[in-house]
Amino acid sequence: MEHDLVVFVPGFLGSRLTRDGRDVWAECSDALLRSRPSARALADVALPPGLGDEPPEDRFRLTADALTTEPDSMPGLLSCMGYSGIRAALGDPVDGQYVPFAHDWRLSHRFLAEELRARVQRELDRWSEQVDAYYPDRPDDPKVLLVCHSTGGLIGRHYLECLGGRTTARALVTLGTPHQGVARAARLLAGHAVADGGGPAASALNAVLRELALTLPSVGQLLPVVDDAVRVAGRSRPRALTDRRYPVPGLPAGLVEDAFAFHREFSQAREAHRRTDAGGRLPYEVYCMASTARPTVRGIGLSADGLHLEDGGDGLLGPGDGTVPRESAVPEWTLPDRVEVLWTGVPHGAMATATALGERLAAIRKGLPVTGMLAGHDHITLHAPSEAVAGRPFVAQVLGVNLHARRPRAVMRRVGARTREEIAFAPDPAGRFRAELRGGPGRWVVEAVVEQPNGADHKVVTLYSA
């Protein structure tokens, strides 16, 4: 396996989208946050309505020229810490062996899987001609090790099972992939991505984000396809998004149908192959890395009459990575093949480059056993809002073992800036450590650090103008 071609597929926000050398998404999203939300700020990243699985016309087209290296976020949906260390995390493959698949994350996962197929075939042919110079004693011809972060796993699995990629694949690694969707996508597309605590500014931001998201096929395909996605007040039985008695207000039925069709297409291809695979087993290995340490939205709450979305409720939260619930991150389609699931406390956006995960990825490349829980009892967890109003204080808390003796403190910096401010945490009456932070509009990285033993956790907090 060490001689195989290593292809890394990033997730949503994981590639720079440029036009004439300009980082268009970065410019547009910064403009959105620095003034009162306006659809005009995002016009250059929107796609034509109803694009489906096609590439956009030239005037809507952007170039995915490289992986993202700075932290980024789509308010109300997810964040990405960037991939500056991904090659090292993969064991530093030799020149020509590592292929980063930058892609336009706005587009349909079906279309991106087609692009991945063409890229992999081209790169594997090239690597097969070069591999002798680096691995002359290899046991067989090179295949493909597909490592996918977040929504990249939806692209990767579709390529493998629906587009013939399974014939050349050695293994698939998914890192926080939403195999069954995320509830956050439903809230975003229904106009409730950001909590209403921000008042009129939050409402305006929700409307602008919804208008953009409705044009992005990839977001629609992130809708949750589980049976318990919707909880109706006063009703004991949860419901799927397809339940016509309680449609989610503001969520277009066509998007729901396409999301279910996308997942059904994959499931049907997988079951067809299962009937012909030797022993019903996949011809490639699957490894799954997922998190359980973060409170994660796992459902959409509706009022008793079904006319309004509700924000709160413990029944809507569960363990996960802060974006993808635990149950969605597990590739249930491989369970009969005894898939390796590695549980961790790493947040969604950092799943691809965390040190502990990198050690496991390097082991997979070498064909070594990969088992066990990745988070030890000394790890810490930072809790902070994903979004807040610029200039107003917000609370960050750190949880962990023996914090009184480990000097918990926070470091906050604006994305792209070098200067940072260190803020000490203080114990509250409940024994938790907290700090009040504030900053100007934009994206900020908040990092909690402790000592003896050292530990850290971080989060992207998006601050928008009131």
Protein backbone atom coordinates (compact mmCIF):
# COMPACT_ATOMS: atom_id res chain seq x y z
CA MET A 1 0.00 0.00 0.00
CA GLU A 2 2.93 2.36 0.61
CA HIS A 3 3.59 2.46 -3.13
CA ASP A 4 0.00 3.42 -4.03
CA LEU A 5 -1.06 6.74 -5.48
CA VAL A 6 -2.39 8.95 -2.66
CA VAL A 7 -5.32 11.15 -3.70
CA PHE A 8 -6.65 13.68 -1.21
CA VAL A 9 -10.19 14.98 -1.73
CA PRO A 10 -10.97 18.07 0.40
CA GLY A 11 -14.44 19.00 1.56
CA PHE A 12 -16.74 22.00 1.24
CA LEU A 13 -14.65 25.22 1.41
CA GLY A 14 -11.51 23.09 1.02
CA SER A 15 -10.35 24.61 -2.29
CA ARG A 16 -9.53 28.19 -3.29
CA LEU A 17 -12.01 29.45 -5.87
CA THR A 18 -10.39 32.06 -8.08
CA ARG A 19 -10.99 34.18 -11.18
CA ASP A 20 -8.10 36.00 -12.83
CA GLY A 21 -5.97 35.23 -9.77
CA ARG A 22 -8.47 36.72 -7.28
CA ASP A 23 -9.67 34.55 -4.39
CA VAL A 24 -13.33 35.20 -5.15
CA TRP A 25 -14.90 33.36 -2.21
CA ALA A 26 -12.55 35.06 0.28
CA GLU A 27 -13.36 38.50 -1.13
CA CYS A 28 -17.10 37.90 -1.23
CA SER A 29 -17.40 36.38 2.22
CA ASP A 30 -15.30 39.15 3.78
CA ALA A 31 -17.53 41.76 2.14
CA LEU A 32 -20.60 39.97 3.50
CA LEU A 33 -19.34 40.08 7.09
CA ARG A 34 -17.93 43.62 7.11
CA SER A 35 -21.16 45.41 6.27
CA ARG A 36 -24.87 44.85 6.61
CA PRO A 37 -25.60 41.54 4.83
CA SER A 38 -26.45 41.98 1.16
CA ALA A 39 -26.96 39.47 -1.65
CA ARG A 40 -24.79 41.71 -3.81
CA ALA A 41 -21.75 40.75 -1.71
CA LEU A 42 -22.08 37.11 -2.76
CA ALA A 43 -23.10 37.64 -6.39
CA ASP A 44 -19.74 36.50 -7.75
CA VAL A 45 -19.94 33.06 -6.07
CA ALA A 46 -23.62 32.32 -6.74
CA LEU A 47 -24.56 29.84 -9.47
CA PRO A 48 -27.53 29.98 -11.85
CA PRO A 49 -30.70 28.47 -10.34
CA GLY A 50 -31.41 24.88 -11.29
CA LEU A 51 -27.87 24.06 -12.44
CA GLY A 52 -28.17 20.44 -11.31
CA ASP A 53 -25.26 18.15 -12.20
CA GLU A 54 -23.85 20.33 -14.97
CA PRO A 55 -20.80 22.63 -15.03
CA PRO A 56 -21.68 26.34 -15.00
CA GLU A 57 -21.36 28.68 -17.95
CA ASP A 58 -18.17 30.71 -18.25
CA ARG A 59 -19.57 33.78 -16.48
CA PHE A 60 -20.33 31.66 -13.38
CA ARG A 61 -17.22 29.52 -13.56
CA LEU A 62 -14.46 29.73 -10.95
CA THR A 63 -11.10 27.94 -10.92
CA ALA A 64 -10.21 25.67 -8.02
CA ASP A 65 -6.48 26.28 -8.15
CA ALA A 66 -5.24 24.94 -4.79
CA LEU A 67 -6.26 23.53 -1.45
CA THR A 68 -7.33 25.99 1.25
CA THR A 69 -4.54 26.70 3.73
CA GLU A 70 -6.24 29.29 5.99
CA PRO A 71 -9.24 28.64 8.25
CA ASP A 72 -12.57 29.39 6.59
CA SER A 73 -16.28 29.05 7.31
CA MET A 74 -19.73 29.16 5.79
CA PRO A 75 -21.83 30.73 8.57
CA GLY A 76 -24.40 28.30 9.89
CA LEU A 77 -23.05 25.31 7.95
CA LEU A 78 -19.44 24.32 8.65
CA SER A 79 -15.85 25.46 8.95
CA CYS A 80 -12.52 24.22 7.59
CA MET A 81 -9.17 24.80 9.31
CA GLY A 82 -7.26 24.46 6.03
CA TYR A 83 -4.92 21.76 4.76
CA SER A 84 -1.45 23.23 5.09
CA GLY A 85 -0.18 20.04 6.78
CA ILE A 86 -2.07 17.37 4.87
CA ARG A 87 0.87 16.00 2.89
CA ALA A 88 2.91 15.54 6.06
CA ALA A 89 -0.12 13.95 7.74
CA LEU A 90 -0.19 11.39 4.94
CA GLY A 91 3.38 10.34 5.65
CA ASP A 92 4.95 12.72 3.11
CA PRO A 93 4.55 10.69 -0.12
CA VAL A 94 7.35 11.07 -2.66
CA ASP A 95 7.14 13.53 -5.54
CA GLY A 96 4.43 12.57 -7.99
CA GLN A 97 2.76 10.13 -5.59
CA TYR A 98 0.54 12.68 -3.84
CA VAL A 99 -2.39 14.22 -5.74
CA PRO A 100 -4.52 16.97 -4.13
CA PHE A 101 -7.88 17.11 -5.90
CA ALA A 102 -8.87 20.77 -5.63
CA HIS A 103 -12.44 21.21 -6.88
CA ASP A 104 -15.28 23.72 -7.08
CA TRP A 105 -17.14 22.78 -3.89
CA ARG A 106 -20.26 24.67 -5.02
CA LEU A 107 -21.08 22.03 -7.64
CA SER A 108 -23.00 18.77 -7.52
CA HIS A 109 -21.17 15.86 -5.92
CA ARG A 110 -22.19 13.72 -8.91
CA PHE A 111 -20.43 16.10 -11.29
CA LEU A 112 -17.37 16.36 -9.06
CA ALA A 113 -17.17 12.56 -8.90
CA GLU A 114 -16.96 12.52 -12.70
CA GLU A 115 -14.10 15.03 -12.53
CA LEU A 116 -12.40 12.90 -9.88
CA ARG A 117 -12.66 9.83 -12.10
CA ALA A 118 -10.91 11.57 -14.98
CA ARG A 119 -8.21 12.99 -12.73
CA VAL A 120 -7.50 9.71 -10.95
CA GLN A 121 -7.21 7.73 -14.16
CA ARG A 122 -4.80 10.26 -15.63
CA GLU A 123 -2.66 10.44 -12.49
CA LEU A 124 -2.63 6.68 -11.92
CA ASP A 125 -1.40 6.09 -15.49
CA ARG A 126 1.36 8.62 -14.90
CA TRP A 127 2.34 7.20 -11.49
CA SER A 128 2.40 3.64 -12.86
CA GLU A 129 5.15 4.71 -15.25
CA GLN A 130 7.19 6.33 -12.45
CA VAL A 131 6.69 3.95 -9.52
CA ASP A 132 9.67 1.69 -10.36
CA ALA A 133 12.10 4.49 -9.58
CA TYR A 134 10.80 4.75 -6.00
CA TYR A 135 9.44 1.30 -5.13
CA PRO A 136 11.34 -1.30 -7.20
CA ASP A 137 10.50 -4.12 -4.77
CA ARG A 138 6.77 -3.44 -4.49
CA PRO A 139 4.51 -6.53 -4.16
CA ASP A 140 2.07 -5.48 -6.92
CA ASP A 141 1.06 -2.67 -9.25
CA PRO A 142 0.01 0.59 -7.63
CA LYS A 143 -3.60 1.29 -6.84
CA VAL A 144 -5.29 4.33 -5.33
CA LEU A 145 -5.52 5.32 -1.67
CA LEU A 146 -8.40 7.81 -1.53
CA VAL A 147 -8.37 10.07 1.54
CA CYS A 148 -11.45 12.28 1.83
CA HIS A 149 -12.30 15.00 4.32
CA SER A 150 -15.86 16.06 5.03
CA THR A 151 -18.01 16.26 1.88
CA GLY A 152 -15.03 14.97 -0.11
CA GLY A 153 -16.13 11.55 1.10
CA LEU A 154 -19.44 11.91 -0.73
CA ILE A 155 -17.49 12.60 -3.93
CA GLY A 156 -15.11 9.72 -3.27
CA ARG A 157 -17.71 7.08 -2.47
CA HIS A 158 -19.83 8.07 -5.49
CA TYR A 159 -16.78 7.73 -7.74
CA LEU A 160 -15.98 4.30 -6.30
CA GLU A 161 -19.41 2.69 -6.39
CA CYS A 162 -21.23 4.55 -9.17
CA LEU A 163 -18.43 5.38 -11.62
CA GLY A 164 -16.18 2.32 -11.59
CA GLY A 165 -13.47 3.59 -9.25
CA ARG A 166 -13.59 0.45 -7.12
CA THR A 167 -11.53 -1.47 -9.70
CA THR A 168 -8.39 0.56 -8.98
CA ALA A 169 -8.94 1.50 -5.33
CA ARG A 170 -6.87 0.05 -2.51
CA ALA A 171 -8.64 1.89 0.30
CA LEU A 172 -11.02 4.72 1.11
CA VAL A 173 -10.47 6.86 4.20
CA THR A 174 -13.29 9.19 5.28
CA LEU A 175 -12.61 11.96 7.80
CA GLY A 176 -15.80 13.42 9.23
CA THR A 177 -17.80 12.66 6.09
CA PRO A 178 -21.59 13.28 6.44
CA HIS A 179 -22.62 9.93 4.95
CA GLN A 180 -26.27 10.63 5.80
CA GLY A 181 -26.24 14.41 5.59
CA VAL A 182 -26.34 17.17 8.20
CA ALA A 183 -29.26 19.00 9.77
CA ARG A 184 -27.36 22.27 9.46
CA ALA A 185 -27.89 22.15 5.68
CA ALA A 186 -31.67 22.06 6.17
CA ARG A 187 -31.57 25.06 8.49
CA LEU A 188 -29.36 26.98 6.06
CA LEU A 189 -31.63 26.29 3.09
CA ALA A 190 -34.72 27.16 5.14
CA GLY A 191 -33.25 30.54 6.14
CA HIS A 192 -32.38 29.72 9.75
CA ALA A 193 -28.64 29.02 9.63
CA VAL A 194 -27.64 31.62 12.24
CA ALA A 195 -29.47 31.73 15.57
CA ASP A 196 -31.94 34.57 15.95
CA GLY A 197 -30.07 36.02 18.95
CA GLY A 198 -28.36 38.46 16.60
CA GLY A 199 -31.67 40.26 15.94
CA PRO A 200 -32.31 41.95 12.57
CA ALA A 201 -28.68 41.46 11.50
CA ALA A 202 -28.98 37.70 11.96
CA SER A 203 -32.25 37.65 10.00
CA ALA A 204 -30.66 39.60 7.15
CA LEU A 205 -27.63 37.31 7.14
CA ASN A 206 -29.86 34.22 7.09
CA ALA A 207 -31.77 35.55 4.08
CA VAL A 208 -28.57 36.25 2.12
CA LEU A 209 -27.01 32.89 2.98
CA ARG A 210 -30.20 31.08 1.97
CA GLU A 211 -30.32 32.91 -1.37
CA LEU A 212 -26.75 31.79 -2.08
CA ALA A 213 -27.19 28.22 -0.81
CA LEU A 214 -30.26 27.65 -2.98
CA THR A 215 -28.02 28.05 -6.04
CA LEU A 216 -25.36 25.57 -4.84
CA PRO A 217 -26.15 21.93 -5.74
CA SER A 218 -23.63 20.63 -3.20
CA VAL A 219 -25.54 22.16 -0.27
CA GLY A 220 -28.84 20.59 -1.30
CA GLN A 221 -27.15 17.18 -1.43
CA LEU A 222 -26.11 17.64 2.22
CA LEU A 223 -29.69 17.49 3.48
CA PRO A 224 -30.17 14.77 6.13
CA VAL A 225 -31.69 11.57 4.75
CA VAL A 226 -32.26 9.85 8.10
CA ASP A 227 -35.71 8.88 9.36
CA ASP A 228 -35.51 11.08 12.46
CA ALA A 229 -34.37 14.36 10.90
CA VAL A 230 -37.45 16.34 11.96
CA ARG A 231 -38.87 16.68 15.46
CA VAL A 232 -42.37 18.20 15.78
CA ALA A 233 -43.31 19.77 19.11
CA GLY A 234 -45.89 17.64 20.91
CA ARG A 235 -45.28 14.63 18.65
CA SER A 236 -43.34 11.66 19.99
CA ARG A 237 -42.38 10.20 16.63
CA PRO A 238 -39.59 11.91 14.65
CA ARG A 239 -40.01 12.21 10.89
CA ALA A 240 -37.96 12.30 7.70
CA LEU A 241 -37.67 15.38 5.50
CA THR A 242 -39.86 13.60 2.97
CA ASP A 243 -42.85 13.47 5.35
CA ARG A 244 -45.39 15.59 3.47
CA ARG A 245 -47.52 16.19 6.56
CA TYR A 246 -44.74 18.28 8.11
CA PRO A 247 -42.63 19.88 5.39
CA VAL A 248 -39.90 22.17 6.71
CA PRO A 249 -41.06 25.75 6.00
CA GLY A 250 -38.91 27.44 3.38
CA LEU A 251 -37.16 24.24 2.31
CA PRO A 252 -37.88 23.55 -1.39
CA ALA A 253 -39.29 20.05 -1.99
CA GLY A 254 -37.14 19.68 -5.11
CA LEU A 255 -33.95 19.93 -3.07
CA VAL A 256 -35.21 17.27 -0.68
CA GLU A 257 -36.04 14.95 -3.58
CA ASP A 258 -32.61 15.43 -5.16
CA ALA A 259 -30.80 14.78 -1.87
CA PHE A 260 -32.65 11.51 -1.33
CA ALA A 261 -32.13 10.55 -4.98
CA PHE A 262 -28.38 11.21 -4.68
CA HIS A 263 -28.04 8.93 -1.65
CA ARG A 264 -30.41 6.34 -3.11
CA GLU A 265 -28.37 6.17 -6.33
CA PHE A 266 -25.27 5.38 -4.31
CA SER A 267 -27.03 2.82 -2.10
CA GLN A 268 -28.47 1.00 -5.08
CA ALA A 269 -25.06 0.82 -6.77
CA ARG A 270 -23.53 -0.50 -3.55
CA GLU A 271 -26.18 -3.20 -3.15
CA ALA A 272 -25.84 -4.27 -6.79
CA HIS A 273 -22.10 -4.72 -6.28
CA ARG A 274 -22.63 -6.55 -3.00
CA ARG A 275 -24.50 -9.29 -4.85
CA THR A 276 -21.55 -9.93 -7.16
CA ASP A 277 -18.58 -9.23 -4.87
CA ALA A 278 -16.78 -12.27 -3.51
CA GLY A 279 -18.41 -13.01 -0.18
CA GLY A 280 -20.35 -9.76 -0.51
CA ARG A 281 -17.22 -7.90 0.59
CA LEU A 282 -15.89 -4.69 -0.92
CA PRO A 283 -12.76 -5.08 -3.06
CA TYR A 284 -11.13 -2.17 -1.18
CA GLU A 285 -10.67 -1.35 2.51
CA VAL A 286 -12.62 1.41 4.24
CA TYR A 287 -11.44 3.39 7.26
CA CYS A 288 -13.64 5.91 9.01
CA MET A 289 -12.52 8.66 11.40
CA ALA A 290 -15.27 10.41 13.32
CA SER A 291 -15.77 12.49 16.45
CA THR A 292 -18.07 12.13 19.44
CA ALA A 293 -16.88 14.94 21.75
CA ARG A 294 -18.82 17.93 20.37
CA PRO A 295 -22.51 18.77 20.86
CA THR A 296 -23.89 18.55 17.34
CA VAL A 297 -27.22 19.50 15.81
CA ARG A 298 -28.79 16.26 14.59
CA GLY A 299 -32.31 17.36 13.74
CA ILE A 300 -34.70 20.17 12.82
CA GLY A 301 -37.33 21.27 15.32
CA LEU A 302 -40.79 22.35 14.16
CA SER A 303 -43.58 24.01 16.09
CA ALA A 304 -46.67 21.92 16.85
CA ASP A 305 -48.50 23.33 13.83
CA GLY A 306 -45.45 22.73 11.60
CA LEU A 307 -45.33 26.36 10.49
CA HIS A 308 -42.16 27.51 12.26
CA LEU A 309 -38.65 26.26 12.94
CA GLU A 310 -37.55 26.12 16.56
CA ASP A 311 -33.97 26.68 17.69
CA GLY A 312 -33.65 24.94 21.05
CA GLY A 313 -34.28 21.54 22.54
CA ASP A 314 -31.86 18.95 23.89
CA GLY A 315 -33.49 16.37 21.65
CA LEU A 316 -31.97 18.15 18.63
CA LEU A 317 -28.41 17.73 19.94
CA GLY A 318 -26.23 14.66 20.08
CA PRO A 319 -22.57 13.60 20.01
CA GLY A 320 -20.56 14.40 16.92
CA ASP A 321 -17.81 16.65 15.62
CA GLY A 322 -19.79 19.88 15.94
CA THR A 323 -21.06 19.64 12.35
CA VAL A 324 -21.63 15.97 11.53
CA PRO A 325 -23.55 13.83 14.05
CA ARG A 326 -21.90 10.59 15.12
CA GLU A 327 -24.42 8.40 13.31
CA SER A 328 -24.03 10.30 10.02
CA ALA A 329 -20.22 10.07 10.09
CA VAL A 330 -20.29 6.26 10.09
CA PRO A 331 -20.40 4.67 6.60
CA GLU A 332 -23.24 2.27 7.33
CA TRP A 333 -22.94 0.87 3.81
CA THR A 334 -19.67 -0.83 4.83
CA LEU A 335 -20.71 -2.27 8.19
CA PRO A 336 -20.99 -5.83 6.88
CA ASP A 337 -17.35 -5.41 5.87
CA ARG A 338 -16.37 -4.58 9.48
CA VAL A 339 -15.18 -1.08 8.68
CA GLU A 340 -12.56 0.38 11.01
CA VAL A 341 -14.09 3.32 12.89
CA LEU A 342 -11.63 5.50 14.79
CA TRP A 343 -13.35 7.72 17.35
CA THR A 344 -11.78 11.02 18.31
CA GLY A 345 -12.50 14.36 19.94
CA VAL A 346 -11.20 16.41 17.00
CA PRO A 347 -13.64 19.01 15.58
CA HIS A 348 -14.93 18.69 12.04
CA GLY A 349 -12.82 21.38 10.40
CA ALA A 350 -9.51 20.04 11.77
CA MET A 351 -10.17 16.35 11.13
CA ALA A 352 -7.73 16.05 8.23
CA THR A 353 -4.64 17.54 9.85
CA ALA A 354 -4.80 16.69 13.57
CA THR A 355 -1.59 15.02 14.77
CA ALA A 356 -3.23 11.91 16.18
CA LEU A 357 -5.16 11.33 12.97
CA GLY A 358 -2.03 11.88 10.88
CA GLU A 359 -0.33 9.04 12.72
CA ARG A 360 -3.21 6.74 11.78
CA LEU A 361 -3.19 7.90 8.16
CA ALA A 362 0.53 7.14 7.93
CA ALA A 363 -0.13 3.69 9.42
CA ILE A 364 -2.83 3.00 6.83
CA ARG A 365 -0.35 3.78 4.05
CA LYS A 366 2.11 1.29 5.52
CA GLY A 367 -0.52 -1.40 5.97
CA LEU A 368 -0.19 -1.37 9.77
CA PRO A 369 -3.09 -2.05 12.19
CA VAL A 370 -5.26 0.99 12.83
CA THR A 371 -7.46 0.73 15.90
CA GLY A 372 -8.40 2.45 19.11
CA MET A 373 -9.83 5.65 20.49
CA LEU A 374 -7.72 8.61 19.42
CA ALA A 375 -8.57 11.03 22.23
CA GLY A 376 -6.94 10.46 25.59
CA HIS A 377 -8.34 11.50 28.97
CA ASP A 378 -6.08 14.58 29.01
CA HIS A 379 -7.62 16.21 25.95
CA ILE A 380 -9.60 19.45 26.25
CA THR A 381 -12.68 20.72 24.45
CA LEU A 382 -13.35 24.35 23.56
CA HIS A 383 -16.96 25.51 23.42
CA ALA A 384 -17.69 28.80 21.63
CA PRO A 385 -20.44 29.95 19.26
CA SER A 386 -19.89 29.40 15.55
CA GLU A 387 -21.34 32.87 14.87
CA ALA A 388 -21.75 36.03 16.93
CA VAL A 389 -22.32 39.74 16.42
CA ALA A 390 -19.13 41.76 15.92
CA GLY A 391 -18.25 44.09 18.78
CA ARG A 392 -20.42 42.26 21.30
CA PRO A 393 -18.93 39.87 23.89
CA PHE A 394 -19.34 36.14 23.44
CA VAL A 395 -18.44 33.39 25.87
CA ALA A 396 -15.83 30.69 25.32
CA GLN A 397 -15.52 27.77 27.72
CA VAL A 398 -12.92 25.04 28.02
CA LEU A 399 -13.65 21.59 29.46
CA GLY A 400 -11.12 18.99 30.51
CA VAL A 401 -9.44 17.13 33.34
CA ASN A 402 -7.61 18.91 36.19
CA LEU A 403 -7.86 22.31 34.52
CA HIS A 404 -7.09 24.26 37.72
CA ALA A 405 -3.47 23.08 37.53
CA ARG A 406 -3.07 23.44 33.75
CA ARG A 407 -3.40 27.23 33.23
CA PRO A 408 -6.21 27.29 30.65
CA ARG A 409 -6.07 30.39 28.47
CA ALA A 410 -7.35 31.52 25.08
CA VAL A 411 -5.60 32.89 22.03
CA MET A 412 -7.70 34.79 19.50
CA ARG A 413 -6.55 35.98 16.09
CA ARG A 414 -8.19 37.19 12.93
CA VAL A 415 -7.83 34.76 10.02
CA GLY A 416 -4.93 35.89 7.85
CA ALA A 417 -3.42 38.16 10.53
CA ARG A 418 -0.25 37.52 12.49
CA THR A 419 -1.11 39.46 15.64
CA ARG A 420 -2.97 37.62 18.38
CA GLU A 421 -4.33 38.37 21.82
CA GLU A 422 -3.98 36.01 24.79
CA ILE A 423 -6.85 35.96 27.27
CA ALA A 424 -6.87 34.02 30.53
CA PHE A 425 -9.80 31.79 31.43
CA ALA A 426 -11.37 32.19 34.87
CA PRO A 427 -13.34 29.59 36.83
CA ASP A 428 -17.06 30.24 37.14
CA PRO A 429 -19.26 29.18 40.10
CA ALA A 430 -19.97 25.84 38.41
CA GLY A 431 -16.24 25.06 38.21
CA ARG A 432 -15.99 25.55 34.46
CA PHE A 433 -13.38 27.84 32.90
CA ARG A 434 -14.69 30.64 30.73
CA ALA A 435 -13.65 33.87 29.07
CA GLU A 436 -15.53 36.70 27.39
CA LEU A 437 -14.16 37.52 23.94
CA ARG A 438 -15.04 40.07 21.29
CA GLY A 439 -13.72 41.21 17.93
CA GLY A 440 -14.48 43.09 14.76
CA PRO A 441 -16.37 41.64 11.77
CA GLY A 442 -14.70 38.74 10.00
CA ARG A 443 -13.45 35.25 10.76
CA TRP A 444 -11.50 34.61 13.92
CA VAL A 445 -9.67 31.56 15.21
CA VAL A 446 -10.12 30.99 18.93
CA GLU A 447 -7.66 28.51 20.42
CA ALA A 448 -7.71 27.17 23.97
CA VAL A 449 -4.41 25.91 25.36
CA VAL A 450 -3.42 24.14 28.60
CA GLU A 451 -0.21 22.83 30.13
CA GLN A 452 1.09 19.76 31.98
CA PRO A 453 0.28 17.92 29.83
CA ASN A 454 0.01 20.32 26.92
CA GLY A 455 -3.23 20.37 25.01
CA ALA A 456 -5.10 22.61 22.60
CA ASP A 457 -8.40 22.93 20.84
CA HIS A 458 -9.56 25.57 18.37
CA LYS A 459 -12.60 26.86 16.56
CA VAL A 460 -13.47 29.31 13.80
CA VAL A 461 -15.88 31.98 15.04
CA THR A 462 -17.57 34.14 12.42
CA LEU A 463 -18.43 37.66 13.59
CA TYR A 464 -20.93 39.58 11.46
CA SER A 465 -21.90 43.23 11.48
CA ALA A 466 -25.00 44.36 13.33
